[in-house]
C-alpha atoms as a PDB file:
ATOM      1  CA  MET A   1       0.027  -0.031   0.160  1.00  0.00           C
ATOM      2  CA  VAL A   2       1.223   3.347  -0.983  1.00  0.00           C
ATOM      3  CA  LEU A   3       0.364   6.557   1.284  1.00  0.00           C
ATOM      4  CA  ALA A   4       0.797  10.058  -0.196  1.00  0.00           C
ATOM      5  CA  ARG A   5       1.365  12.961   1.985  1.00  0.00           C
ATOM      6  CA  GLY A   6      -1.675  15.367   1.916  1.00  0.00           C
ATOM      7  CA  VAL A   7      -1.630  19.081   2.579  1.00  0.00           C
ATOM      8  CA  SER A   8      -0.721  19.725   6.246  1.00  0.00           C
ATOM      9  CA  ASP A   9      -2.683  21.820   8.687  1.00  0.00           C
ATOM     10  CA  ASP A  10       0.405  21.976  10.573  1.00  0.00           C
ATOM     11  CA  PRO A  11       1.239  25.557  10.909  1.00  0.00           C
ATOM     12  CA  GLU A  12       4.992  24.660  11.864  1.00  0.00           C
ATOM     13  CA  ALA A  13       5.206  23.109   7.848  1.00  0.00           C
ATOM     14  CA  TRP A  14       4.115  26.476   6.750  1.00  0.00           C
ATOM     15  CA  LEU A  15       6.552  28.588   8.784  1.00  0.00           C
ATOM     16  CA  TRP A  16       9.467  26.316   7.801  1.00  0.00           C
ATOM     17  CA  ALA A  17       8.530  27.041   4.081  1.00  0.00           C
ATOM     18  CA  LEU A  18       8.354  30.877   4.715  1.00  0.00           C
ATOM     19  CA  GLY A  19      11.495  30.632   6.663  1.00  0.00           C
ATOM     20  CA  ALA A  20      13.443  28.849   4.062  1.00  0.00           C
ATOM     21  CA  ILE A  21      12.145  31.560   1.333  1.00  0.00           C
ATOM     22  CA  ALA A  22      13.222  34.271   3.915  1.00  0.00           C
ATOM     23  CA  LEU A  23      16.750  32.672   4.379  1.00  0.00           C
ATOM     24  CA  TYR A  24      16.895  32.608   0.642  1.00  0.00           C
ATOM     25  CA  ALA A  25      16.309  36.130   0.278  1.00  0.00           C
ATOM     26  CA  LEU A  26      18.724  37.169   3.198  1.00  0.00           C
ATOM     27  CA  ILE A  27      21.491  34.935   1.449  1.00  0.00           C
ATOM     28  CA  SER A  28      21.022  36.780  -1.714  1.00  0.00           C
ATOM     29  CA  PHE A  29      21.042  39.905  -0.245  1.00  0.00           C
ATOM     30  CA  GLY A  30      24.376  39.041   1.821  1.00  0.00           C
ATOM     31  CA  LEU A  31      25.942  37.844  -1.414  1.00  0.00           C
ATOM     32  CA  GLU A  32      24.951  41.368  -3.331  1.00  0.00           C
ATOM     33  CA  TYR A  33      26.123  43.195   0.037  1.00  0.00           C
ATOM     34  CA  ARG A  34      29.633  41.405  -0.023  1.00  0.00           C
ATOM     35  CA  SER A  35      29.617  42.270  -4.032  1.00  0.00           C
ATOM     36  CA  ARG A  36      28.858  46.181  -3.497  1.00  0.00           C
ATOM     37  CA  ARG A  37      31.267  46.315  -0.538  1.00  0.00           C
ATOM     38  CA  ARG A  38      34.264  44.829  -2.551  1.00  0.00           C
ATOM     39  CA  ARG A  39      33.500  47.318  -5.186  1.00  0.00           C
ATOM     40  CA  GLY A  40      34.057  50.259  -2.671  1.00  0.00           C
ATOM     41  CA  ALA A  41      30.203  51.495  -2.727  1.00  0.00           C
ATOM     42  CA  HIS A  42      29.460  54.451  -0.453  1.00  0.00           C
ATOM     43  CA  ASP A  43      26.572  52.808   1.032  1.00  0.00           C
ATOM     44  CA  PRO A  44      26.830  48.982   0.113  1.00  0.00           C
ATOM     45  CA  ALA A  45      23.705  47.901   2.157  1.00  0.00           C
ATOM     46  CA  ARG A  46      21.260  50.458   0.448  1.00  0.00           C
ATOM     47  CA  GLU A  47      22.548  49.660  -2.953  1.00  0.00           C
ATOM     48  CA  ALA A  48      22.394  45.738  -2.387  1.00  0.00           C
ATOM     49  CA  LEU A  49      18.871  46.175  -1.479  1.00  0.00           C
ATOM     50  CA  HIS A  50      18.240  48.289  -4.685  1.00  0.00           C
ATOM     51  CA  GLU A  51      20.091  45.662  -6.659  1.00  0.00           C
ATOM     52  CA  LEU A  52      17.600  42.913  -5.650  1.00  0.00           C
ATOM     53  CA  LYS A  53      14.952  44.815  -6.928  1.00  0.00           C
ATOM     54  CA  ASP A  54      16.470  46.732  -9.878  1.00  0.00           C
ATOM     55  CA  ARG A  55      19.880  45.906 -11.783  1.00  0.00           C
ATOM     56  CA  GLU A  56      22.001  48.832 -12.134  1.00  0.00           C
ATOM     57  CA  ASP A  57      24.158  47.131 -14.664  1.00  0.00           C
ATOM     58  CA  PRO A  58      23.019  46.739 -18.197  1.00  0.00           C
ATOM     59  CA  GLN A  59      21.647  43.196 -18.751  1.00  0.00           C
ATOM     60  CA  SER A  60      20.078  41.712 -21.672  1.00  0.00           C
ATOM     61  CA  PRO A  61      16.211  41.064 -21.118  1.00  0.00           C
ATOM     62  CA  GLY A  62      16.849  37.512 -21.771  1.00  0.00           C
ATOM     63  CA  GLN A  63      19.838  37.333 -19.367  1.00  0.00           C
ATOM     64  CA  TYR A  64      17.473  39.222 -16.818  1.00  0.00           C
ATOM     65  CA  PHE A  65      14.681  36.766 -17.242  1.00  0.00           C
ATOM     66  CA  VAL A  66      16.826  33.728 -16.950  1.00  0.00           C
ATOM     67  CA  SER A  67      18.741  35.088 -13.591  1.00  0.00           C
ATOM     68  CA  ARG A  68      15.134  35.967 -11.965  1.00  0.00           C
ATOM     69  CA  MET A  69      13.671  32.625 -13.088  1.00  0.00           C
ATOM     70  CA  ILE A  70      16.885  30.859 -11.429  1.00  0.00           C
ATOM     71  CA  MET A  71      16.239  32.877  -8.258  1.00  0.00           C
ATOM     72  CA  LEU A  72      12.529  32.315  -7.954  1.00  0.00           C
ATOM     73  CA  GLY A  73      13.018  28.520  -8.922  1.00  0.00           C
ATOM     74  CA  GLY A  74      15.589  28.246  -6.243  1.00  0.00           C
ATOM     75  CA  ALA A  75      13.269  29.953  -3.657  1.00  0.00           C
ATOM     76  CA  ALA A  76      10.407  27.749  -4.840  1.00  0.00           C
ATOM     77  CA  ALA A  77      12.377  24.401  -4.446  1.00  0.00           C
ATOM     78  CA  THR A  78      13.934  25.770  -1.144  1.00  0.00           C
ATOM     79  CA  GLY A  79      10.396  26.193   0.039  1.00  0.00           C
ATOM     80  CA  LEU A  80       8.896  22.813  -1.256  1.00  0.00           C
ATOM     81  CA  VAL A  81      11.829  21.037   0.151  1.00  0.00           C
ATOM     82  CA  ALA A  82      10.945  22.753   3.580  1.00  0.00           C
ATOM     83  CA  TRP A  83       7.260  22.080   3.227  1.00  0.00           C
ATOM     84  CA  ALA A  84       7.739  18.232   2.080  1.00  0.00           C
ATOM     85  CA  ALA A  85      10.562  17.245   4.736  1.00  0.00           C
ATOM     86  CA  SER A  86      10.035  16.602   8.258  1.00  0.00           C
ATOM     87  CA  GLY A  87      12.197  15.836  11.405  1.00  0.00           C
ATOM     88  CA  VAL A  88      15.754  15.849  11.383  1.00  0.00           C
ATOM     89  CA  VAL A  89      16.315  15.639   7.628  1.00  0.00           C
ATOM     90  CA  ARG A  90      14.063  19.134   7.203  1.00  0.00           C
ATOM     91  CA  PRO A  91      17.239  21.605   7.948  1.00  0.00           C
ATOM     92  CA  VAL A  92      19.702  19.716   6.237  1.00  0.00           C
ATOM     93  CA  ALA A  93      17.776  19.364   2.871  1.00  0.00           C
ATOM     94  CA  VAL A  94      16.668  22.984   3.387  1.00  0.00           C
ATOM     95  CA  ALA A  95      20.187  24.074   3.873  1.00  0.00           C
ATOM     96  CA  PHE A  96      21.520  22.060   1.012  1.00  0.00           C
ATOM     97  CA  THR A  97      18.837  23.136  -1.638  1.00  0.00           C
ATOM     98  CA  ALA A  98      19.409  26.584  -0.776  1.00  0.00           C
ATOM     99  CA  LEU A  99      23.173  26.589  -1.076  1.00  0.00           C
ATOM    100  CA  VAL A 100      22.708  24.664  -4.404  1.00  0.00           C
ATOM    101  CA  ALA A 101      20.126  27.255  -5.584  1.00  0.00           C
ATOM    102  CA  VAL A 102      22.248  30.159  -4.495  1.00  0.00           C
ATOM    103  CA  VAL A 103      25.656  28.806  -6.238  1.00  0.00           C
ATOM    104  CA  ALA A 104      23.610  28.160  -9.303  1.00  0.00           C
ATOM    105  CA  TRP A 105      22.157  31.685  -9.444  1.00  0.00           C
ATOM    106  CA  ALA A 106      25.510  33.330  -8.710  1.00  0.00           C
ATOM    107  CA  TYR A 107      27.398  31.258 -11.184  1.00  0.00           C
ATOM    108  CA  TYR A 108      24.839  32.222 -13.938  1.00  0.00           C
ATOM    109  CA  ASP A 109      25.218  35.896 -13.012  1.00  0.00           C
ATOM    110  CA  HIS A 110      28.932  35.869 -13.203  1.00  0.00           C
ATOM    111  CA  ARG A 111      29.062  34.013 -16.641  1.00  0.00           C
ATOM    112  CA  ALA A 112      26.540  36.341 -17.800  1.00  0.00           C
ATOM    113  CA  GLN A 113      28.456  39.416 -16.529  1.00  0.00           C
ATOM    114  CA  GLY A 114      31.662  37.976 -18.164  1.00  0.00           C
ATOM    115  CA  ARG A 115      30.202  37.730 -21.487  1.00  0.00           C
ATOM    116  CA  ALA A 116      28.823  41.109 -21.251  1.00  0.00           C
ATOM    117  CA  ALA A 117      32.089  42.741 -20.565  1.00  0.00           C
ATOM    118  CA  ARG A 118      33.830  40.917 -23.202  1.00  0.00           C
ATOM    119  CA  ARG A 119      31.480  42.430 -25.919  1.00  0.00           C
END
């Protein structure tokens, strides 16, 4: 017999999912803050916050779309893992999924920025 896991009414599961998405946004902000600080920005926190909303660097619409889809897909995957997992596995799975998603997003943006600079 196979049992499927249905939608949980447990508020803890929803808090884990929302916490995972918030953690993902915090990690994204931290990476952008670090980048701005290394570039010698006057107010790196404010610029990093604006960077999450709007790009200052010229980026083609296709690159921008792919970058945002990677970011949103990673956040959704992290939230889904947090919602689906339980017990001791949950924090490990959430951390691993968030780390993979952030690395993929940063790698794509790094590669896209390098291609744009070479043009």
